[in-house]
Amino acid sequence: MSKLTSDIQANLDLFVQETQEMKLVWGLKNEDGWLACDSSEFENSEVMPFWSSKEDAQMHNVEEWSDFEVLEIPLDIFVEDWLITLSEDGVLIGINWNAQLEGKEVEPSDLAKMYL
């Protein structure tokens, strides 16, 4: 059962809390790479969604994303490597998107600061 709600700020807070506890971040990857899509908030921006639980990531592993695999990323590697690279590439992070694909889209550097 998902803990995600329509409160996107609460979902962001849950992401930081759960990823710190479990030391894992979850994303979707296929043979072409990690899932990225157009931002719904910012024009000409790409966003890469991540979840704080495997179950929530699996909830999105359907329909047009059914060819993706749900994979974990160790939190330290996510924060120390991924967020730096994604920031350099200008890619936003989609945080704990709920069943309606609603969720915060944040700059990688802003997300990194939440772990300090």
Protein backbone atom coordinates (compact mmCIF):
# COMPACT_ATOMS: atom_id res chain seq x y z
CA MET A 1 0.00 0.00 0.00
CA SER A 2 1.46 3.32 -1.07
CA LYS A 3 2.09 6.04 1.48
CA LEU A 4 1.97 8.66 -1.30
CA THR A 5 -0.88 11.15 -1.30
CA SER A 6 -2.00 14.17 -3.30
CA ASP A 7 0.15 16.34 -0.98
CA ILE A 8 3.30 16.66 -3.08
CA GLN A 9 5.24 18.44 -0.30
CA ALA A 10 4.47 15.57 2.09
CA ASN A 11 5.59 13.12 -0.60
CA LEU A 12 8.87 15.04 -0.95
CA ASP A 13 9.40 14.96 2.83
CA LEU A 14 8.62 11.22 2.81
CA PHE A 15 11.19 10.70 0.03
CA VAL A 16 13.98 12.32 2.05
CA GLN A 17 12.98 10.51 5.25
CA GLU A 18 12.58 7.04 3.72
CA THR A 19 15.69 7.22 1.54
CA GLN A 20 17.75 8.23 4.57
CA GLU A 21 16.34 5.30 6.56
CA MET A 22 16.64 2.67 3.82
CA LYS A 23 19.75 4.15 2.15
CA LEU A 24 18.16 3.41 -1.26
CA VAL A 25 16.48 5.33 -4.07
CA TRP A 26 14.33 3.56 -6.70
CA GLY A 27 14.05 4.31 -10.40
CA LEU A 28 13.00 2.76 -13.70
CA LYS A 29 15.54 1.65 -16.29
CA ASN A 30 15.34 -0.13 -19.65
CA GLU A 31 17.89 -1.02 -22.33
CA ASP A 32 18.01 2.64 -23.42
CA GLY A 33 18.73 3.94 -19.91
CA TRP A 34 16.92 5.47 -16.96
CA LEU A 35 13.41 6.82 -17.38
CA ALA A 36 13.27 10.53 -18.19
CA CYS A 37 10.35 12.51 -19.55
CA ASP A 38 9.31 16.07 -20.30
CA SER A 39 8.67 18.26 -17.30
CA SER A 40 5.05 19.18 -16.63
CA GLU A 41 6.18 22.28 -14.71
CA PHE A 42 9.04 23.72 -16.75
CA GLU A 43 9.20 24.23 -20.49
CA ASN A 44 12.05 22.56 -22.37
CA SER A 45 13.14 20.64 -19.27
CA GLU A 46 13.60 16.96 -18.73
CA VAL A 47 12.74 15.24 -15.47
CA MET A 48 13.91 11.90 -14.12
CA PRO A 49 11.49 10.35 -11.59
CA PHE A 50 12.66 8.54 -8.46
CA TRP A 51 10.82 6.96 -5.55
CA SER A 52 11.62 6.19 -1.93
CA SER A 53 10.08 2.71 -2.08
CA LYS A 54 10.26 -0.16 -4.52
CA GLU A 55 6.47 -0.58 -4.34
CA ASP A 56 5.81 2.99 -5.46
CA ALA A 57 8.27 2.67 -8.33
CA GLN A 58 6.60 -0.62 -9.38
CA MET A 59 3.21 1.14 -9.42
CA HIS A 60 4.51 3.12 -12.43
CA ASN A 61 6.06 0.12 -14.19
CA VAL A 62 2.95 -0.25 -16.41
CA GLU A 63 1.59 0.75 -19.82
CA GLU A 64 4.15 2.87 -21.74
CA TRP A 65 6.70 2.26 -18.95
CA SER A 66 6.12 -1.51 -18.74
CA ASP A 67 9.39 -2.30 -20.55
CA PHE A 68 11.36 -0.72 -17.69
CA GLU A 69 12.85 -2.56 -14.74
CA VAL A 70 12.56 -1.25 -11.17
CA LEU A 71 16.10 -0.83 -9.84
CA GLU A 72 17.66 0.49 -6.66
CA ILE A 73 20.44 3.04 -6.38
CA PRO A 74 22.41 3.30 -3.13
CA LEU A 75 21.65 6.67 -1.54
CA ASP A 76 25.30 7.72 -1.18
CA ILE A 77 25.94 7.15 -4.89
CA PHE A 78 22.68 8.91 -5.78
CA VAL A 79 23.58 12.01 -3.75
CA GLU A 80 27.33 12.13 -4.44
CA ASP A 81 27.34 11.14 -8.13
CA TRP A 82 23.90 11.21 -9.72
CA LEU A 83 22.72 14.56 -8.38
CA ILE A 84 25.95 16.26 -9.50
CA THR A 85 25.78 14.76 -13.00
CA LEU A 86 22.05 15.46 -13.40
CA SER A 87 22.60 19.05 -12.25
CA GLU A 88 25.36 19.49 -14.85
CA ASP A 89 23.03 18.03 -17.50
CA GLY A 90 20.16 20.32 -16.48
CA VAL A 91 17.85 17.41 -15.62
CA LEU A 92 15.25 17.87 -12.87
CA ILE A 93 14.42 15.20 -10.29
CA GLY A 94 10.82 13.99 -10.03
CA ILE A 95 10.16 13.07 -6.42
CA ASN A 96 7.79 10.28 -5.33
CA TRP A 97 5.25 10.75 -8.11
CA ASN A 98 1.88 9.44 -6.96
CA ALA A 99 -0.56 7.33 -8.97
CA GLN A 100 -1.70 10.47 -10.86
CA LEU A 101 1.94 11.23 -11.78
CA GLU A 102 1.85 14.26 -9.50
CA GLY A 103 5.00 15.13 -7.65
CA LYS A 104 7.60 17.77 -6.98
CA GLU A 105 10.13 18.50 -9.70
CA VAL A 106 13.28 19.85 -8.08
CA GLU A 107 16.77 20.90 -9.06
CA PRO A 108 19.27 18.17 -8.16
CA SER A 109 21.29 20.65 -6.08
CA ASP A 110 18.17 21.57 -4.06
CA LEU A 111 17.52 17.90 -3.35
CA ALA A 112 21.16 17.36 -2.32
CA LYS A 113 20.82 20.18 0.25
CA MET A 114 17.91 18.32 1.87
CA TYR A 115 20.36 15.57 2.87
CA LEU A 116 22.74 17.93 4.70
